[in-house]
Amino acid sequence: MQNLFITGYRAHELQIFGQKHEGIPFIKKAIASRLTPLVEDGLEWVLTPGQYGVDLWACEVVLELKQTYPHLKLSIITAFQNPEEQWKEDKQEYYRSILSGVDYYGAISKQPYIGPWQFTARDELLLRKSDGLLLVYDEDAGEGSPRFVKEKAIKKQQHEDYPIITITSEDIQSVAEEERMSEFAYDEDLPF
């Protein structure tokens, strides 16, 4: 696999409204655990829509991995021009800090938001240009924006080899539990 499309929930779909939310590090670790073996097997590009939430947290993971795996490249392809303009200032600054590390940035439409067709065109391009999908999505959790990408990826999978790797809420919970267990320090100086 050379090109991987990564996406998932928007932050508000996870009830996350700030960068200091305690769940974000666990989501990032879950992404890293799935992404690292792919990078070690030769993954070259990570492609993402760059929406606020899983997309940008995945970008952070990729930027960290690039320090160890300099061959890895990151691309953000948005649905329309300047999607961050409507965001709060702190989110805009965060987005711009991510953009400073990407290897390729583009927008499907050179206009501001006009309609949902822009998202459809973006997703179709990302699916067409990728060899697989890493999706943070939990079907048991109900509806959410990742459902539409998964439906399109399943259709693509029916015609070609297109792996779909999912990270569910259970996967993230496992990461959180492992982290919490590792925080317990056992005192080696105990006499028993």
N, C-alpha and C. Protein backbone atom coordinates (compact mmCIF):
# COMPACT_ATOMS: atom_id res chain seq x y z
N MET A 1 0.86 -1.18 0.00
CA MET A 1 0.00 0.00 0.00
C MET A 1 0.90 1.24 0.00
N GLN A 2 0.66 2.12 -0.97
CA GLN A 2 1.46 3.34 -1.06
C GLN A 2 0.73 4.56 -0.52
N ASN A 3 -0.58 4.64 -0.76
CA ASN A 3 -1.36 5.82 -0.39
C ASN A 3 -2.54 5.40 0.50
N LEU A 4 -2.63 5.98 1.68
CA LEU A 4 -3.69 5.65 2.62
C LEU A 4 -4.56 6.88 2.89
N PHE A 5 -5.84 6.70 2.77
CA PHE A 5 -6.84 7.73 3.07
C PHE A 5 -7.22 7.54 4.54
N ILE A 6 -7.03 8.58 5.36
CA ILE A 6 -7.42 8.53 6.77
C ILE A 6 -8.49 9.59 7.03
N THR A 7 -9.56 9.16 7.68
CA THR A 7 -10.59 10.10 8.10
C THR A 7 -11.38 9.47 9.24
N GLY A 8 -12.34 10.21 9.73
CA GLY A 8 -13.18 9.73 10.83
C GLY A 8 -14.08 10.84 11.31
N TYR A 9 -14.46 10.74 12.55
CA TYR A 9 -15.40 11.68 13.13
C TYR A 9 -14.85 13.10 13.19
N ARG A 10 -15.73 14.06 13.06
CA ARG A 10 -15.42 15.45 13.34
C ARG A 10 -15.43 15.59 14.86
N ALA A 11 -14.69 16.53 15.38
CA ALA A 11 -14.55 16.67 16.84
C ALA A 11 -15.91 16.80 17.53
N HIS A 12 -16.81 17.60 16.97
CA HIS A 12 -18.10 17.80 17.62
C HIS A 12 -18.94 16.52 17.65
N GLU A 13 -18.72 15.60 16.70
CA GLU A 13 -19.45 14.34 16.70
C GLU A 13 -19.02 13.46 17.88
N LEU A 14 -17.83 13.71 18.40
CA LEU A 14 -17.32 12.98 19.56
C LEU A 14 -17.50 13.78 20.85
N GLN A 15 -18.21 14.90 20.75
CA GLN A 15 -18.41 15.79 21.90
C GLN A 15 -17.09 16.33 22.41
N ILE A 16 -16.16 16.58 21.48
CA ILE A 16 -14.87 17.18 21.82
C ILE A 16 -14.87 18.61 21.29
N PHE A 17 -14.69 19.56 22.19
CA PHE A 17 -14.80 20.96 21.80
C PHE A 17 -13.53 21.76 22.05
N GLY A 18 -12.44 21.09 22.34
CA GLY A 18 -11.17 21.79 22.54
C GLY A 18 -10.01 20.82 22.42
N GLN A 19 -8.84 21.35 22.16
CA GLN A 19 -7.65 20.54 21.95
C GLN A 19 -7.12 19.89 23.22
N LYS A 20 -7.62 20.29 24.37
CA LYS A 20 -7.12 19.75 25.64
C LYS A 20 -7.97 18.57 26.14
N HIS A 21 -8.91 18.11 25.34
CA HIS A 21 -9.78 17.01 25.74
C HIS A 21 -8.95 15.76 26.03
N GLU A 22 -9.28 15.07 27.12
CA GLU A 22 -8.48 13.93 27.56
C GLU A 22 -8.54 12.73 26.60
N GLY A 23 -9.52 12.69 25.71
CA GLY A 23 -9.63 11.57 24.78
C GLY A 23 -8.73 11.66 23.56
N ILE A 24 -8.30 12.86 23.21
CA ILE A 24 -7.51 13.06 21.99
C ILE A 24 -6.21 12.24 21.99
N PRO A 25 -5.43 12.23 23.06
CA PRO A 25 -4.20 11.41 23.02
C PRO A 25 -4.47 9.93 22.77
N PHE A 26 -5.59 9.42 23.28
CA PHE A 26 -5.91 8.01 23.08
C PHE A 26 -6.31 7.74 21.62
N ILE A 27 -7.03 8.67 21.03
CA ILE A 27 -7.39 8.54 19.61
C ILE A 27 -6.12 8.56 18.77
N LYS A 28 -5.21 9.48 19.08
CA LYS A 28 -3.95 9.57 18.34
C LYS A 28 -3.11 8.31 18.49
N LYS A 29 -3.07 7.74 19.70
CA LYS A 29 -2.30 6.50 19.90
C LYS A 29 -2.92 5.35 19.13
N ALA A 30 -4.25 5.29 19.08
CA ALA A 30 -4.91 4.24 18.31
C ALA A 30 -4.58 4.38 16.83
N ILE A 31 -4.58 5.60 16.33
CA ILE A 31 -4.21 5.84 14.93
C ILE A 31 -2.76 5.43 14.69
N ALA A 32 -1.87 5.84 15.57
CA ALA A 32 -0.45 5.52 15.43
C ALA A 32 -0.23 4.01 15.43
N SER A 33 -0.97 3.29 16.26
CA SER A 33 -0.77 1.83 16.34
C SER A 33 -1.17 1.14 15.04
N ARG A 34 -2.13 1.67 14.33
CA ARG A 34 -2.54 1.09 13.05
C ARG A 34 -1.66 1.61 11.90
N LEU A 35 -1.22 2.83 12.03
CA LEU A 35 -0.46 3.47 10.95
C LEU A 35 1.00 3.03 10.90
N THR A 36 1.63 2.88 12.04
CA THR A 36 3.07 2.57 12.09
C THR A 36 3.44 1.31 11.30
N PRO A 37 2.74 0.18 11.47
CA PRO A 37 3.11 -1.01 10.68
C PRO A 37 2.98 -0.77 9.17
N LEU A 38 2.00 0.02 8.77
CA LEU A 38 1.83 0.33 7.35
C LEU A 38 3.00 1.15 6.83
N VAL A 39 3.45 2.10 7.64
CA VAL A 39 4.60 2.93 7.26
C VAL A 39 5.84 2.06 7.17
N GLU A 40 6.00 1.16 8.11
CA GLU A 40 7.15 0.25 8.10
C GLU A 40 7.13 -0.69 6.90
N ASP A 41 5.93 -0.96 6.36
CA ASP A 41 5.79 -1.80 5.18
C ASP A 41 5.87 -1.00 3.88
N GLY A 42 6.16 0.30 3.97
CA GLY A 42 6.39 1.09 2.76
C GLY A 42 5.34 2.12 2.40
N LEU A 43 4.37 2.36 3.28
CA LEU A 43 3.39 3.41 3.01
C LEU A 43 4.12 4.72 2.75
N GLU A 44 3.72 5.41 1.67
CA GLU A 44 4.40 6.65 1.29
C GLU A 44 3.58 7.91 1.60
N TRP A 45 2.28 7.86 1.33
CA TRP A 45 1.44 9.05 1.48
C TRP A 45 0.26 8.77 2.39
N VAL A 46 -0.04 9.71 3.25
CA VAL A 46 -1.28 9.73 4.00
C VAL A 46 -2.09 10.89 3.46
N LEU A 47 -3.33 10.60 3.04
CA LEU A 47 -4.23 11.59 2.45
C LEU A 47 -5.39 11.80 3.41
N THR A 48 -5.74 13.04 3.66
CA THR A 48 -6.86 13.33 4.56
C THR A 48 -7.59 14.58 4.12
N PRO A 49 -8.89 14.68 4.44
CA PRO A 49 -9.65 15.89 4.12
C PRO A 49 -9.29 17.08 5.00
N GLY A 50 -8.65 16.84 6.13
CA GLY A 50 -8.21 17.93 6.99
C GLY A 50 -9.31 18.63 7.76
N GLN A 51 -10.38 17.91 8.05
CA GLN A 51 -11.45 18.53 8.84
C GLN A 51 -11.09 18.46 10.33
N TYR A 52 -11.66 19.37 11.10
CA TYR A 52 -11.33 19.45 12.52
C TYR A 52 -11.87 18.23 13.25
N GLY A 53 -10.96 17.43 13.76
CA GLY A 53 -11.31 16.19 14.45
C GLY A 53 -10.28 15.14 14.10
N VAL A 54 -10.74 13.93 13.83
CA VAL A 54 -9.85 12.80 13.54
C VAL A 54 -8.86 13.13 12.43
N ASP A 55 -9.31 13.82 11.38
CA ASP A 55 -8.41 14.14 10.26
C ASP A 55 -7.16 14.88 10.74
N LEU A 56 -7.36 15.91 11.52
CA LEU A 56 -6.21 16.71 11.97
C LEU A 56 -5.40 15.99 13.05
N TRP A 57 -6.05 15.18 13.88
CA TRP A 57 -5.29 14.41 14.86
C TRP A 57 -4.43 13.37 14.13
N ALA A 58 -4.96 12.80 13.05
CA ALA A 58 -4.16 11.89 12.24
C ALA A 58 -2.98 12.63 11.62
N CYS A 59 -3.20 13.87 11.20
CA CYS A 59 -2.10 14.67 10.66
C CYS A 59 -1.00 14.84 11.70
N GLU A 60 -1.39 15.10 12.94
CA GLU A 60 -0.39 15.23 14.01
C GLU A 60 0.42 13.94 14.15
N VAL A 61 -0.26 12.80 14.08
CA VAL A 61 0.42 11.51 14.19
C VAL A 61 1.41 11.36 13.03
N VAL A 62 0.98 11.69 11.83
CA VAL A 62 1.86 11.57 10.66
C VAL A 62 3.06 12.49 10.80
N LEU A 63 2.84 13.71 11.25
CA LEU A 63 3.96 14.63 11.42
C LEU A 63 4.96 14.11 12.45
N GLU A 64 4.48 13.45 13.48
CA GLU A 64 5.38 12.84 14.47
C GLU A 64 6.13 11.66 13.85
N LEU A 65 5.41 10.83 13.07
CA LEU A 65 6.04 9.66 12.44
C LEU A 65 7.08 10.06 11.41
N LYS A 66 6.88 11.21 10.76
CA LYS A 66 7.83 11.67 9.75
C LYS A 66 9.22 11.90 10.33
N GLN A 67 9.29 12.15 11.63
CA GLN A 67 10.59 12.34 12.28
C GLN A 67 11.40 11.04 12.27
N THR A 68 10.70 9.91 12.38
CA THR A 68 11.36 8.60 12.36
C THR A 68 11.40 8.01 10.95
N TYR A 69 10.37 8.30 10.17
CA TYR A 69 10.23 7.76 8.82
C TYR A 69 10.17 8.93 7.83
N PRO A 70 11.32 9.48 7.45
CA PRO A 70 11.32 10.68 6.61
C PRO A 70 10.73 10.48 5.21
N HIS A 71 10.57 9.23 4.78
CA HIS A 71 9.97 8.99 3.46
C HIS A 71 8.46 9.25 3.45
N LEU A 72 7.84 9.28 4.63
CA LEU A 72 6.40 9.44 4.74
C LEU A 72 5.99 10.87 4.37
N LYS A 73 4.91 10.98 3.61
CA LYS A 73 4.41 12.29 3.18
C LYS A 73 2.95 12.44 3.59
N LEU A 74 2.55 13.70 3.78
CA LEU A 74 1.20 14.02 4.23
C LEU A 74 0.54 14.99 3.27
N SER A 75 -0.72 14.69 2.95
CA SER A 75 -1.50 15.55 2.06
C SER A 75 -2.85 15.86 2.69
N ILE A 76 -3.24 17.12 2.61
CA ILE A 76 -4.60 17.53 2.98
C ILE A 76 -5.27 18.02 1.70
N ILE A 77 -6.41 17.41 1.39
CA ILE A 77 -7.21 17.84 0.24
C ILE A 77 -8.59 18.20 0.77
N THR A 78 -8.91 19.47 0.77
CA THR A 78 -10.17 19.96 1.31
C THR A 78 -11.25 19.99 0.24
N ALA A 79 -12.48 20.13 0.67
CA ALA A 79 -13.62 20.17 -0.25
C ALA A 79 -13.76 21.53 -0.93
N PHE A 80 -13.34 22.58 -0.23
CA PHE A 80 -13.48 23.94 -0.76
C PHE A 80 -12.36 24.80 -0.18
N GLN A 81 -12.22 25.97 -0.74
CA GLN A 81 -11.15 26.90 -0.36
C GLN A 81 -11.33 27.41 1.07
N ASN A 82 -10.25 27.45 1.83
CA ASN A 82 -10.20 28.03 3.18
C ASN A 82 -11.30 27.54 4.12
N PRO A 83 -11.38 26.23 4.37
CA PRO A 83 -12.46 25.72 5.23
C PRO A 83 -12.38 26.24 6.66
N GLU A 84 -11.20 26.65 7.07
CA GLU A 84 -11.00 27.08 8.46
C GLU A 84 -11.49 28.50 8.75
N GLU A 85 -11.88 29.25 7.72
CA GLU A 85 -12.26 30.65 7.92
C GLU A 85 -13.40 30.85 8.91
N GLN A 86 -14.27 29.86 9.03
CA GLN A 86 -15.42 29.98 9.94
C GLN A 86 -15.12 29.45 11.34
N TRP A 87 -13.91 28.96 11.55
CA TRP A 87 -13.55 28.39 12.85
C TRP A 87 -13.13 29.49 13.81
N LYS A 88 -13.13 29.15 15.09
CA LYS A 88 -12.60 30.07 16.11
C LYS A 88 -11.11 30.24 15.90
N GLU A 89 -10.57 31.34 16.40
CA GLU A 89 -9.17 31.68 16.16
C GLU A 89 -8.19 30.60 16.61
N ASP A 90 -8.42 30.00 17.79
CA ASP A 90 -7.50 28.97 18.26
C ASP A 90 -7.48 27.76 17.34
N LYS A 91 -8.63 27.40 16.79
CA LYS A 91 -8.69 26.27 15.86
C LYS A 91 -8.03 26.64 14.53
N GLN A 92 -8.17 27.89 14.12
CA GLN A 92 -7.50 28.35 12.90
C GLN A 92 -5.98 28.26 13.06
N GLU A 93 -5.48 28.69 14.21
CA GLU A 93 -4.04 28.63 14.47
C GLU A 93 -3.55 27.19 14.47
N TYR A 94 -4.31 26.31 15.09
CA TYR A 94 -3.98 24.89 15.12
C TYR A 94 -3.92 24.33 13.69
N TYR A 95 -4.92 24.66 12.89
CA TYR A 95 -4.99 24.21 11.50
C TYR A 95 -3.78 24.70 10.71
N ARG A 96 -3.45 25.96 10.87
CA ARG A 96 -2.31 26.52 10.15
C ARG A 96 -1.00 25.86 10.58
N SER A 97 -0.90 25.49 11.87
CA SER A 97 0.32 24.81 12.32
C SER A 97 0.44 23.44 11.67
N ILE A 98 -0.68 22.76 11.46
CA ILE A 98 -0.68 21.48 10.76
C ILE A 98 -0.30 21.70 9.30
N LEU A 99 -0.90 22.72 8.67
CA LEU A 99 -0.63 22.99 7.25
C LEU A 99 0.85 23.26 6.99
N SER A 100 1.53 23.82 7.97
CA SER A 100 2.95 24.13 7.78
C SER A 100 3.79 22.86 7.61
N GLY A 101 3.25 21.71 8.01
CA GLY A 101 4.01 20.47 7.90
C GLY A 101 3.59 19.55 6.77
N VAL A 102 2.54 19.91 6.03
CA VAL A 102 2.07 19.01 4.97
C VAL A 102 2.97 19.10 3.74
N ASP A 103 3.00 18.02 2.99
CA ASP A 103 3.79 17.97 1.77
C ASP A 103 2.98 18.39 0.55
N TYR A 104 1.65 18.26 0.65
CA TYR A 104 0.79 18.72 -0.43
C TYR A 104 -0.52 19.19 0.16
N TYR A 105 -0.99 20.35 -0.32
CA TYR A 105 -2.28 20.88 0.11
C TYR A 105 -3.04 21.30 -1.13
N GLY A 106 -4.31 20.94 -1.20
CA GLY A 106 -5.14 21.36 -2.31
C GLY A 106 -6.60 21.40 -1.91
N ALA A 107 -7.40 22.06 -2.73
CA ALA A 107 -8.84 22.15 -2.51
C ALA A 107 -9.54 21.70 -3.79
N ILE A 108 -10.55 20.89 -3.66
CA ILE A 108 -11.31 20.41 -4.81
C ILE A 108 -11.94 21.57 -5.55
N SER A 109 -12.54 22.48 -4.80
CA SER A 109 -13.18 23.66 -5.37
C SER A 109 -12.39 24.89 -4.95
N LYS A 110 -12.12 25.74 -5.88
CA LYS A 110 -11.36 26.97 -5.58
C LYS A 110 -12.27 28.08 -5.04
N GLN A 111 -13.48 27.71 -4.70
CA GLN A 111 -14.46 28.65 -4.17
C GLN A 111 -14.74 28.32 -2.70
N PRO A 112 -15.40 29.22 -1.99
CA PRO A 112 -15.83 28.86 -0.63
C PRO A 112 -16.94 27.80 -0.71
N TYR A 113 -17.45 27.41 0.42
CA TYR A 113 -18.51 26.39 0.44
C TYR A 113 -19.70 26.84 -0.40
N ILE A 114 -20.12 25.93 -1.28
CA ILE A 114 -21.29 26.19 -2.13
C ILE A 114 -22.36 25.14 -1.85
N GLY A 115 -21.93 23.88 -1.74
CA GLY A 115 -22.90 22.82 -1.52
C GLY A 115 -22.25 21.49 -1.23
N PRO A 116 -23.07 20.51 -0.87
CA PRO A 116 -22.55 19.20 -0.48
C PRO A 116 -21.80 18.46 -1.59
N TRP A 117 -22.01 18.84 -2.82
CA TRP A 117 -21.30 18.20 -3.93
C TRP A 117 -19.78 18.33 -3.77
N GLN A 118 -19.34 19.39 -3.09
CA GLN A 118 -17.90 19.58 -2.88
C GLN A 118 -17.33 18.46 -2.00
N PHE A 119 -18.08 18.08 -0.97
CA PHE A 119 -17.64 16.99 -0.09
C PHE A 119 -17.64 15.66 -0.86
N THR A 120 -18.66 15.44 -1.66
CA THR A 120 -18.74 14.22 -2.46
C THR A 120 -17.57 14.13 -3.42
N ALA A 121 -17.27 15.23 -4.10
CA ALA A 121 -16.15 15.24 -5.05
C ALA A 121 -14.82 15.00 -4.34
N ARG A 122 -14.66 15.59 -3.16
CA ARG A 122 -13.43 15.40 -2.38
C ARG A 122 -13.27 13.94 -1.99
N ASP A 123 -14.33 13.35 -1.44
CA ASP A 123 -14.25 11.96 -0.99
C ASP A 123 -13.97 11.02 -2.16
N GLU A 124 -14.60 11.27 -3.29
CA GLU A 124 -14.37 10.43 -4.47
C GLU A 124 -12.93 10.52 -4.94
N LEU A 125 -12.35 11.72 -4.91
CA LEU A 125 -10.95 11.87 -5.30
C LEU A 125 -10.04 11.13 -4.33
N LEU A 126 -10.26 11.30 -3.04
CA LEU A 126 -9.42 10.65 -2.04
C LEU A 126 -9.52 9.13 -2.13
N LEU A 127 -10.70 8.62 -2.39
CA LEU A 127 -10.86 7.18 -2.57
C LEU A 127 -10.14 6.71 -3.84
N ARG A 128 -10.26 7.48 -4.89
CA ARG A 128 -9.63 7.12 -6.17
C ARG A 128 -8.11 7.13 -6.07
N LYS A 129 -7.55 8.06 -5.31
CA LYS A 129 -6.10 8.22 -5.21
C LYS A 129 -5.46 7.36 -4.13
N SER A 130 -6.26 6.63 -3.36
CA SER A 130 -5.72 5.85 -2.25
C SER A 130 -5.82 4.36 -2.52
N ASP A 131 -4.99 3.60 -1.79
CA ASP A 131 -4.96 2.14 -1.92
C ASP A 131 -5.66 1.47 -0.75
N GLY A 132 -6.12 2.24 0.21
CA GLY A 132 -6.79 1.71 1.38
C GLY A 132 -7.30 2.85 2.25
N LEU A 133 -8.13 2.48 3.23
CA LEU A 133 -8.77 3.46 4.10
C LEU A 133 -8.54 3.09 5.55
N LEU A 134 -8.14 4.07 6.35
CA LEU A 134 -8.10 3.94 7.80
C LEU A 134 -9.20 4.86 8.32
N LEU A 135 -10.21 4.26 8.94
CA LEU A 135 -11.40 4.99 9.31
C LEU A 135 -11.67 4.86 10.80
N VAL A 136 -11.76 5.99 11.49
CA VAL A 136 -12.16 5.99 12.90
C VAL A 136 -13.67 6.13 12.89
N TYR A 137 -14.31 4.99 13.14
CA TYR A 137 -15.78 4.93 13.02
C TYR A 137 -16.29 3.74 13.80
N ASP A 138 -17.41 3.92 14.45
CA ASP A 138 -18.02 2.86 15.23
C ASP A 138 -19.47 2.73 14.80
N GLU A 139 -19.78 1.68 14.06
CA GLU A 139 -21.15 1.50 13.55
C GLU A 139 -22.16 1.39 14.69
N ASP A 140 -21.74 0.82 15.81
CA ASP A 140 -22.65 0.66 16.94
C ASP A 140 -22.99 1.99 17.60
N ALA A 141 -22.16 3.01 17.38
CA ALA A 141 -22.35 4.30 18.04
C ALA A 141 -23.41 5.15 17.33
N GLY A 142 -23.89 4.70 16.21
CA GLY A 142 -24.92 5.47 15.51
C GLY A 142 -24.36 6.20 14.31
N GLU A 143 -25.11 7.17 13.87
CA GLU A 143 -24.76 7.92 12.66
C GLU A 143 -23.54 8.80 12.88
N GLY A 144 -22.99 9.24 11.80
CA GLY A 144 -21.86 10.15 11.83
C GLY A 144 -21.32 10.32 10.42
N SER A 145 -20.56 11.35 10.20
CA SER A 145 -20.05 11.64 8.87
C SER A 145 -19.18 10.53 8.28
N PRO A 146 -18.44 9.74 9.09
CA PRO A 146 -17.61 8.69 8.49
C PRO A 146 -18.42 7.60 7.78
N ARG A 147 -19.70 7.49 8.10
CA ARG A 147 -20.54 6.46 7.49
C ARG A 147 -20.55 6.58 5.97
N PHE A 148 -20.58 7.82 5.47
CA PHE A 148 -20.67 8.03 4.02
C PHE A 148 -19.40 7.58 3.32
N VAL A 149 -18.25 7.86 3.92
CA VAL A 149 -16.98 7.41 3.34
C VAL A 149 -16.91 5.90 3.37
N LYS A 150 -17.34 5.29 4.46
CA LYS A 150 -17.29 3.83 4.56
C LYS A 150 -18.17 3.19 3.49
N GLU A 151 -19.36 3.72 3.26
CA GLU A 151 -20.25 3.18 2.23
C GLU A 151 -19.58 3.23 0.85
N LYS A 152 -18.92 4.35 0.55
CA LYS A 152 -18.24 4.49 -0.74
C LYS A 152 -17.04 3.54 -0.83
N ALA A 153 -16.32 3.37 0.28
CA ALA A 153 -15.16 2.48 0.30
C ALA A 153 -15.59 1.03 0.11
N ILE A 154 -16.72 0.65 0.68
CA ILE A 154 -17.23 -0.71 0.51
C ILE A 154 -17.58 -0.95 -0.95
N LYS A 155 -18.17 0.04 -1.61
CA LYS A 155 -18.47 -0.10 -3.04
C LYS A 155 -17.19 -0.27 -3.85
N LYS A 156 -16.16 0.50 -3.50
CA LYS A 156 -14.88 0.38 -4.20
C LYS A 156 -14.28 -1.00 -3.94
N GLN A 157 -14.42 -1.49 -2.74
CA GLN A 157 -13.87 -2.78 -2.34
C GLN A 157 -14.50 -3.93 -3.14
N GLN A 158 -15.73 -3.75 -3.59
CA GLN A 158 -16.40 -4.79 -4.37
C GLN A 158 -15.78 -4.97 -5.75
N HIS A 159 -15.04 -3.96 -6.22
CA HIS A 159 -14.46 -4.02 -7.56
C HIS A 159 -12.95 -4.16 -7.57
N GLU A 160 -12.31 -3.92 -6.43
CA GLU A 160 -10.85 -4.00 -6.38
C GLU A 160 -10.38 -4.26 -4.95
N ASP A 161 -9.11 -4.62 -4.84
CA ASP A 161 -8.53 -4.84 -3.52
C ASP A 161 -8.36 -3.47 -2.84
N TYR A 162 -9.20 -3.22 -1.86
CA TYR A 162 -9.17 -1.93 -1.17
C TYR A 162 -9.42 -2.19 0.32
N PRO A 163 -8.34 -2.37 1.09
CA PRO A 163 -8.51 -2.65 2.52
C PRO A 163 -9.16 -1.48 3.27
N ILE A 164 -10.06 -1.83 4.17
CA ILE A 164 -10.68 -0.85 5.06
C ILE A 164 -10.30 -1.25 6.48
N ILE A 165 -9.50 -0.39 7.11
CA ILE A 165 -9.04 -0.62 8.48
C ILE A 165 -9.84 0.32 9.37
N THR A 166 -10.51 -0.23 10.37
CA THR A 166 -11.32 0.62 11.24
C THR A 166 -10.73 0.69 12.64
N ILE A 167 -10.97 1.81 13.26
CA ILE A 167 -10.68 2.01 14.67
C ILE A 167 -12.02 2.34 15.31
N THR A 168 -12.43 1.51 16.25
CA THR A 168 -13.73 1.69 16.91
C THR A 168 -13.54 2.31 18.29
N SER A 169 -14.63 2.62 18.93
CA SER A 169 -14.55 3.17 20.29
C SER A 169 -13.94 2.14 21.23
N GLU A 170 -14.18 0.84 20.97
CA GLU A 170 -13.56 -0.20 21.80
C GLU A 170 -12.05 -0.19 21.66
N ASP A 171 -11.56 0.03 20.44
CA ASP A 171 -10.11 0.11 20.22
C ASP A 171 -9.51 1.28 21.01
N ILE A 172 -10.19 2.41 20.97
CA ILE A 172 -9.70 3.59 21.68
C ILE A 172 -9.76 3.36 23.19
N GLN A 173 -10.83 2.70 23.64
CA GLN A 173 -10.96 2.39 25.06
C GLN A 173 -9.83 1.46 25.51
N SER A 174 -9.46 0.51 24.67
CA SER A 174 -8.34 -0.40 25.00
C SER A 174 -7.04 0.37 25.15
N VAL A 175 -6.81 1.32 24.25
CA VAL A 175 -5.60 2.15 24.35
C VAL A 175 -5.62 2.92 25.66
N ALA A 176 -6.77 3.49 26.01
CA ALA A 176 -6.88 4.26 27.24
C ALA A 176 -6.61 3.39 28.47
N GLU A 177 -7.16 2.17 28.46
CA GLU A 177 -6.94 1.27 29.59
C GLU A 177 -5.48 0.86 29.71
N GLU A 178 -4.84 0.58 28.56
CA GLU A 178 -3.41 0.24 28.58
C GLU A 178 -2.58 1.39 29.13
N GLU A 179 -2.92 2.62 28.72
CA GLU A 179 -2.20 3.80 29.22
C GLU A 179 -2.37 3.94 30.73
N ARG A 180 -3.59 3.78 31.17
CA ARG A 180 -3.86 3.94 32.60
C ARG A 180 -3.16 2.86 33.41
N MET A 181 -3.10 1.64 32.88
CA MET A 181 -2.41 0.56 33.58
C MET A 181 -0.91 0.83 33.65
N SER A 182 -0.36 1.42 32.61
CA SER A 182 1.08 1.69 32.60
C SER A 182 1.45 2.83 33.55
N GLU A 183 0.44 3.61 33.95
CA GLU A 183 0.69 4.71 34.88
C GLU A 183 0.93 4.22 36.30
N PHE A 184 0.46 2.99 36.59
CA PHE A 184 0.67 2.44 37.92
C PHE A 184 2.14 2.04 38.03
N ALA A 185 2.82 2.65 38.95
CA ALA A 185 4.23 2.32 39.15
C ALA A 185 4.34 1.33 40.31
N TYR A 186 5.09 0.30 40.07
CA TYR A 186 5.32 -0.66 41.14
C TYR A 186 6.67 -0.34 41.77
N ASP A 187 6.66 -0.18 43.03
CA ASP A 187 7.86 0.19 43.76
C ASP A 187 8.73 -1.05 43.94
N GLU A 188 9.88 -1.06 43.29
CA GLU A 188 10.78 -2.21 43.36
C GLU A 188 11.49 -2.30 44.71
N ASP A 189 11.40 -1.27 45.50
CA ASP A 189 12.09 -1.28 46.80
C ASP A 189 11.26 -1.91 47.91
N LEU A 190 10.07 -2.37 47.57
CA LEU A 190 9.23 -2.99 48.61
C LEU A 190 9.89 -4.28 49.08
N PRO A 191 9.82 -4.56 50.38
CA PRO A 191 10.47 -5.77 50.91
C PRO A 191 9.70 -7.05 50.61
N PHE A 192 8.56 -6.97 50.05
CA PHE A 192 7.76 -8.17 49.79
C PHE A 192 7.47 -8.35 48.33
